[in-house]
N, C-alpha and C. Protein backbone atom coordinates (compact mmCIF):
# COMPACT_ATOMS: atom_id res chain seq x y z
N MET A 1 -44.46 -60.81 40.76
CA MET A 1 -43.75 -59.96 41.93
C MET A 1 -44.67 -58.85 41.85
N GLU A 2 -45.20 -58.12 42.95
CA GLU A 2 -45.69 -57.12 43.46
C GLU A 2 -45.95 -56.36 42.42
N HIS A 3 -46.74 -54.94 42.24
CA HIS A 3 -47.33 -54.20 41.26
C HIS A 3 -47.82 -52.88 42.68
N GLU A 4 -47.12 -52.35 42.84
CA GLU A 4 -47.58 -50.81 43.10
C GLU A 4 -48.69 -49.57 42.40
N TYR A 5 -49.90 -49.47 43.15
CA TYR A 5 -50.70 -48.82 42.06
C TYR A 5 -50.60 -47.58 42.55
N THR A 6 -49.64 -45.99 42.00
CA THR A 6 -50.63 -45.51 42.64
C THR A 6 -50.75 -44.35 42.39
N CYS A 7 -51.81 -44.49 40.95
CA CYS A 7 -52.75 -43.36 41.13
C CYS A 7 -53.60 -43.95 40.29
N GLY A 8 -54.11 -44.92 40.30
CA GLY A 8 -55.30 -46.18 39.46
C GLY A 8 -53.54 -46.75 38.61
N GLU A 9 -54.31 -47.43 37.91
CA GLU A 9 -53.69 -48.33 36.90
C GLU A 9 -53.06 -46.97 35.85
N CYS A 10 -53.41 -46.04 35.49
CA CYS A 10 -52.03 -45.40 34.85
C CYS A 10 -50.92 -44.95 34.97
N CYS A 11 -50.73 -45.29 36.62
CA CYS A 11 -49.67 -45.17 36.71
C CYS A 11 -48.56 -46.24 37.70
N ARG A 12 -49.18 -47.84 37.27
CA ARG A 12 -48.14 -49.25 37.60
C ARG A 12 -46.97 -48.70 38.38
N THR A 13 -46.27 -49.50 39.02
CA THR A 13 -45.01 -49.46 38.83
C THR A 13 -44.54 -50.87 39.04
N LYS A 14 -43.50 -51.29 38.95
CA LYS A 14 -43.16 -52.84 39.34
C LYS A 14 -42.10 -52.54 40.76
N ASN A 15 -42.27 -53.58 41.31
CA ASN A 15 -40.97 -53.44 42.61
C ASN A 15 -39.33 -54.55 41.66
N ARG A 16 -39.39 -54.36 41.18
CA ARG A 16 -37.65 -54.90 40.30
C ARG A 16 -37.13 -55.30 41.20
N PRO A 17 -36.36 -57.37 41.36
CA PRO A 17 -35.62 -57.08 42.53
C PRO A 17 -34.37 -57.18 41.93
N GLU A 18 -33.43 -56.58 42.44
CA GLU A 18 -32.04 -55.22 42.19
C GLU A 18 -31.21 -56.03 41.68
N ASP A 19 -30.98 -57.82 40.99
CA ASP A 19 -30.46 -57.74 40.00
C ASP A 19 -31.02 -57.79 39.17
N GLU A 20 -32.06 -58.32 38.65
CA GLU A 20 -33.03 -58.26 37.74
C GLU A 20 -32.42 -56.47 36.72
N LYS A 21 -32.98 -55.42 38.08
CA LYS A 21 -32.46 -53.80 37.44
C LYS A 21 -31.18 -53.90 37.59
N ARG A 22 -30.48 -54.13 37.64
CA ARG A 22 -29.00 -54.09 37.44
C ARG A 22 -28.97 -54.11 36.19
N ALA A 23 -29.22 -55.85 36.13
CA ALA A 23 -28.94 -56.13 34.77
C ALA A 23 -29.84 -55.44 33.53
N LEU A 24 -30.65 -55.02 34.06
CA LEU A 24 -31.29 -53.94 32.72
C LEU A 24 -30.65 -52.82 32.66
N ILE A 25 -30.24 -52.20 33.76
CA ILE A 25 -29.91 -50.85 33.97
C ILE A 25 -27.88 -50.89 33.09
N HIS A 26 -27.31 -52.23 33.17
CA HIS A 26 -26.54 -52.62 32.74
C HIS A 26 -26.49 -52.75 30.74
N ARG A 27 -27.39 -53.02 30.66
CA ARG A 27 -27.96 -53.31 29.34
C ARG A 27 -27.88 -51.86 28.13
N LEU A 28 -28.67 -51.05 29.25
CA LEU A 28 -29.08 -49.54 28.69
C LEU A 28 -27.77 -49.05 28.86
N ASN A 29 -27.32 -48.55 30.07
CA ASN A 29 -25.57 -48.75 30.16
C ASN A 29 -24.13 -48.61 28.66
N ARG A 30 -25.10 -49.97 28.27
CA ARG A 30 -23.88 -50.28 26.97
C ARG A 30 -24.65 -49.70 25.49
N ILE A 31 -26.05 -49.93 25.33
CA ILE A 31 -26.22 -49.07 24.52
C ILE A 31 -26.59 -47.54 24.86
N GLU A 32 -26.46 -47.62 25.44
CA GLU A 32 -26.15 -45.50 25.41
C GLU A 32 -24.77 -44.99 25.22
N GLY A 33 -23.52 -46.13 25.22
CA GLY A 33 -22.33 -46.05 25.05
C GLY A 33 -22.66 -46.10 23.65
N GLN A 34 -23.43 -46.98 22.84
CA GLN A 34 -23.53 -47.10 21.22
C GLN A 34 -24.06 -46.19 20.75
N ILE A 35 -24.40 -45.65 21.19
CA ILE A 35 -25.27 -44.29 20.85
C ILE A 35 -24.56 -43.30 20.60
N ARG A 36 -23.91 -42.97 22.46
CA ARG A 36 -22.60 -41.86 21.87
C ARG A 36 -21.73 -42.47 20.68
N GLY A 37 -21.33 -43.55 20.68
CA GLY A 37 -20.59 -43.58 19.40
C GLY A 37 -20.63 -43.66 18.51
N LEU A 38 -22.39 -44.16 18.06
CA LEU A 38 -22.78 -43.37 16.81
C LEU A 38 -22.66 -41.97 16.26
N ARG A 39 -23.27 -41.10 17.41
CA ARG A 39 -23.07 -39.73 17.62
C ARG A 39 -21.58 -39.47 16.70
N GLY A 40 -20.35 -40.00 17.28
CA GLY A 40 -19.12 -39.06 17.75
C GLY A 40 -18.82 -39.99 15.81
N MET A 41 -18.90 -41.11 15.41
CA MET A 41 -19.02 -41.83 13.66
C MET A 41 -19.46 -40.07 12.94
N VAL A 42 -21.01 -39.98 13.63
CA VAL A 42 -21.28 -39.02 12.74
C VAL A 42 -20.62 -37.22 12.65
N GLU A 43 -19.83 -37.14 13.97
CA GLU A 43 -19.04 -36.14 14.15
C GLU A 43 -17.71 -36.10 13.38
N LYS A 44 -17.44 -37.48 13.13
CA LYS A 44 -15.97 -37.71 12.73
C LYS A 44 -16.29 -38.07 10.95
N ASP A 45 -17.57 -38.05 10.47
CA ASP A 45 -17.76 -38.28 9.05
C ASP A 45 -17.26 -39.76 8.66
N ALA A 46 -17.91 -40.56 9.38
CA ALA A 46 -17.32 -41.54 9.01
C ALA A 46 -18.87 -42.76 7.65
N TYR A 47 -17.75 -43.28 6.99
CA TYR A 47 -18.67 -43.97 5.25
C TYR A 47 -19.90 -44.22 6.29
N CYS A 48 -20.85 -43.89 5.36
CA CYS A 48 -22.13 -44.56 5.68
C CYS A 48 -22.28 -46.08 6.01
N PRO A 49 -22.25 -46.97 4.79
CA PRO A 49 -21.97 -47.98 5.71
C PRO A 49 -21.73 -48.52 6.87
N ASP A 50 -20.79 -47.77 7.88
CA ASP A 50 -19.96 -48.56 8.74
C ASP A 50 -21.00 -47.63 9.97
N VAL A 51 -21.85 -46.67 9.48
CA VAL A 51 -22.69 -46.53 10.52
C VAL A 51 -23.77 -46.96 10.71
N LEU A 52 -24.12 -47.34 9.40
CA LEU A 52 -25.61 -48.11 9.23
C LEU A 52 -24.47 -49.38 9.93
N THR A 53 -23.74 -50.06 9.68
CA THR A 53 -23.37 -51.03 10.37
C THR A 53 -24.12 -51.16 11.63
N GLN A 54 -23.36 -49.94 12.65
CA GLN A 54 -23.17 -49.53 13.76
C GLN A 54 -24.52 -49.41 14.38
N VAL A 55 -25.62 -48.93 13.26
CA VAL A 55 -27.14 -48.67 14.05
C VAL A 55 -27.78 -49.63 13.91
N SER A 56 -27.22 -51.08 13.19
CA SER A 56 -27.89 -52.34 13.35
C SER A 56 -27.47 -53.17 14.87
N ALA A 57 -26.11 -52.30 15.08
CA ALA A 57 -26.20 -53.17 16.78
C ALA A 57 -26.91 -52.76 17.22
N VAL A 58 -26.65 -51.15 17.14
CA VAL A 58 -27.51 -50.60 18.05
C VAL A 58 -29.15 -50.97 18.31
N THR A 59 -29.85 -51.08 17.17
CA THR A 59 -31.06 -51.55 17.07
C THR A 59 -31.39 -52.89 17.60
N ALA A 60 -30.03 -54.09 17.55
CA ALA A 60 -30.76 -55.30 17.92
C ALA A 60 -29.89 -55.52 19.64
N ALA A 61 -29.40 -54.84 19.86
CA ALA A 61 -29.23 -55.00 21.48
C ALA A 61 -30.61 -54.23 22.09
N LEU A 62 -31.21 -52.94 21.45
CA LEU A 62 -32.25 -52.98 22.00
C LEU A 62 -33.71 -53.85 21.98
N ASN A 63 -33.38 -54.89 21.11
CA ASN A 63 -33.96 -55.42 20.57
C ASN A 63 -33.80 -56.90 22.08
N GLY A 64 -32.74 -56.88 22.23
CA GLY A 64 -32.65 -57.63 23.75
C GLY A 64 -33.15 -57.01 24.72
N PHE A 65 -32.72 -56.03 24.32
CA PHE A 65 -33.34 -55.21 26.09
C PHE A 65 -35.06 -55.42 25.67
N THR A 66 -35.40 -55.15 25.37
CA THR A 66 -37.07 -55.19 24.46
C THR A 66 -37.71 -56.85 25.03
N ARG A 67 -36.87 -58.25 24.99
CA ARG A 67 -37.12 -58.96 25.30
C ARG A 67 -37.01 -60.00 26.35
N VAL A 68 -35.85 -58.79 26.85
CA VAL A 68 -35.86 -59.41 28.92
C VAL A 68 -37.03 -58.98 28.76
N LEU A 69 -36.94 -57.15 29.22
CA LEU A 69 -38.01 -57.15 29.62
C LEU A 69 -39.42 -57.70 29.50
N LEU A 70 -39.77 -58.31 27.96
CA LEU A 70 -40.67 -58.74 28.18
C LEU A 70 -41.70 -59.89 28.37
N SER A 71 -40.39 -60.46 28.51
CA SER A 71 -40.17 -61.91 29.34
C SER A 71 -40.32 -61.76 30.98
N GLU A 72 -39.82 -61.04 31.44
CA GLU A 72 -40.07 -60.74 32.58
C GLU A 72 -41.52 -60.37 33.09
N HIS A 73 -41.83 -59.53 31.97
CA HIS A 73 -43.16 -58.68 32.36
C HIS A 73 -44.39 -60.04 32.21
N ILE A 74 -44.32 -60.76 31.22
CA ILE A 74 -45.24 -61.96 31.54
C ILE A 74 -44.76 -63.02 32.58
N ARG A 75 -43.69 -63.29 32.44
CA ARG A 75 -43.19 -63.96 33.76
C ARG A 75 -43.75 -63.57 34.73
N THR A 76 -43.95 -61.92 35.31
CA THR A 76 -44.02 -62.10 36.76
C THR A 76 -45.41 -60.69 36.41
N CYS A 77 -45.80 -60.24 36.31
CA CYS A 77 -46.65 -58.72 36.85
C CYS A 77 -48.08 -59.97 35.57
N VAL A 78 -47.76 -60.51 34.28
CA VAL A 78 -49.25 -60.93 33.82
C VAL A 78 -49.35 -62.14 34.15
N ALA A 79 -48.64 -62.91 35.04
CA ALA A 79 -49.05 -63.86 35.68
C ALA A 79 -49.72 -63.77 37.04
N ASP A 80 -48.84 -63.32 37.59
CA ASP A 80 -49.58 -62.35 38.84
C ASP A 80 -50.73 -61.98 38.65
N ASP A 81 -51.20 -61.02 37.64
CA ASP A 81 -52.33 -60.74 37.36
C ASP A 81 -53.73 -61.36 37.02
N ILE A 82 -53.19 -62.51 36.15
CA ILE A 82 -54.06 -63.88 35.75
C ILE A 82 -54.91 -64.65 37.00
N ARG A 83 -53.26 -64.93 37.86
CA ARG A 83 -53.77 -65.73 39.31
C ARG A 83 -54.63 -64.90 40.25
N GLN A 84 -54.48 -63.68 40.52
CA GLN A 84 -55.59 -62.91 41.02
C GLN A 84 -57.01 -62.80 40.03
N GLY A 85 -56.79 -63.57 39.22
CA GLY A 85 -58.57 -63.21 38.24
C GLY A 85 -58.79 -61.81 37.77
N ASN A 86 -57.76 -61.01 37.48
CA ASN A 86 -57.12 -59.69 36.95
C ASN A 86 -57.13 -59.91 35.42
N GLY A 87 -58.61 -59.93 34.77
CA GLY A 87 -59.03 -60.30 33.02
C GLY A 87 -58.13 -58.91 32.32
N TYR A 88 -58.09 -57.78 32.60
CA TYR A 88 -57.26 -56.64 32.01
C TYR A 88 -55.90 -57.38 31.49
N ALA A 89 -55.14 -58.04 32.05
CA ALA A 89 -53.99 -58.46 31.77
C ALA A 89 -54.22 -58.61 30.45
N VAL A 90 -54.74 -59.53 29.65
CA VAL A 90 -53.94 -60.44 28.75
C VAL A 90 -54.28 -59.13 27.51
N GLU A 91 -55.39 -57.99 27.81
CA GLU A 91 -56.09 -57.40 27.17
C GLU A 91 -55.00 -56.01 26.94
N GLU A 92 -54.25 -56.04 28.22
CA GLU A 92 -53.17 -55.01 27.61
C GLU A 92 -52.11 -55.76 27.88
N LEU A 93 -51.88 -57.43 27.64
CA LEU A 93 -50.47 -57.39 26.72
C LEU A 93 -50.49 -57.58 25.74
N LEU A 94 -51.67 -57.90 25.10
CA LEU A 94 -52.03 -57.53 23.40
C LEU A 94 -51.33 -56.13 23.22
N ALA A 95 -52.21 -55.23 24.24
CA ALA A 95 -52.35 -53.91 23.18
C ALA A 95 -50.16 -53.66 23.98
N THR A 96 -50.19 -53.57 24.41
CA THR A 96 -48.03 -53.71 24.58
C THR A 96 -47.41 -54.15 23.29
N LEU A 97 -47.68 -55.97 23.20
CA LEU A 97 -47.61 -56.16 21.83
C LEU A 97 -47.84 -55.53 20.87
N GLN A 98 -48.53 -55.34 20.26
CA GLN A 98 -49.73 -54.50 19.17
C GLN A 98 -48.58 -52.84 19.02
N LYS A 99 -48.70 -52.83 20.08
CA LYS A 99 -47.05 -51.28 20.04
C LYS A 99 -45.96 -51.69 19.34
N LEU A 100 -45.39 -52.86 20.01
CA LEU A 100 -44.16 -53.58 19.58
C LEU A 100 -43.99 -53.44 18.73
N MET A 101 -44.96 -54.62 18.22
CA MET A 101 -45.12 -54.56 16.32
C MET A 101 -44.81 -53.81 15.29
N ARG A 102 -45.08 -52.18 15.89
CA ARG A 102 -45.27 -52.16 14.10
C ARG A 102 -44.14 -51.53 13.88
C-alpha cells in the first residue's frame, strides 16, 4: 500500500482501499453504538454488573478493531517499508506494539 508524506514522517497517511475503509468504519460505528448504550445504561441507573458486562463487550470490540488495523498495517505499510529498505519500519512497529501493550 502507498503512504503519503504530507509534512515529513510525523504526518504519514495511508490510502486505504474503499472496502477496508468501509469495514473499519462499520466496526467503529458498532462500537460507537455500544458506547451510547453504555451511557444510556448509566443514565437509567442500570445495575453495576450489567454495565460492566457491556464495558467488557466494548473492550472486546475495540480489541478486535485494533487486531484488524494492526494486521493490515503489518501486511501493507510495514511490509512495503521493509521492501523499500526503510529500516525504521521495524522500530516504528515495535514502538507501536509497546504503546498497545500498556
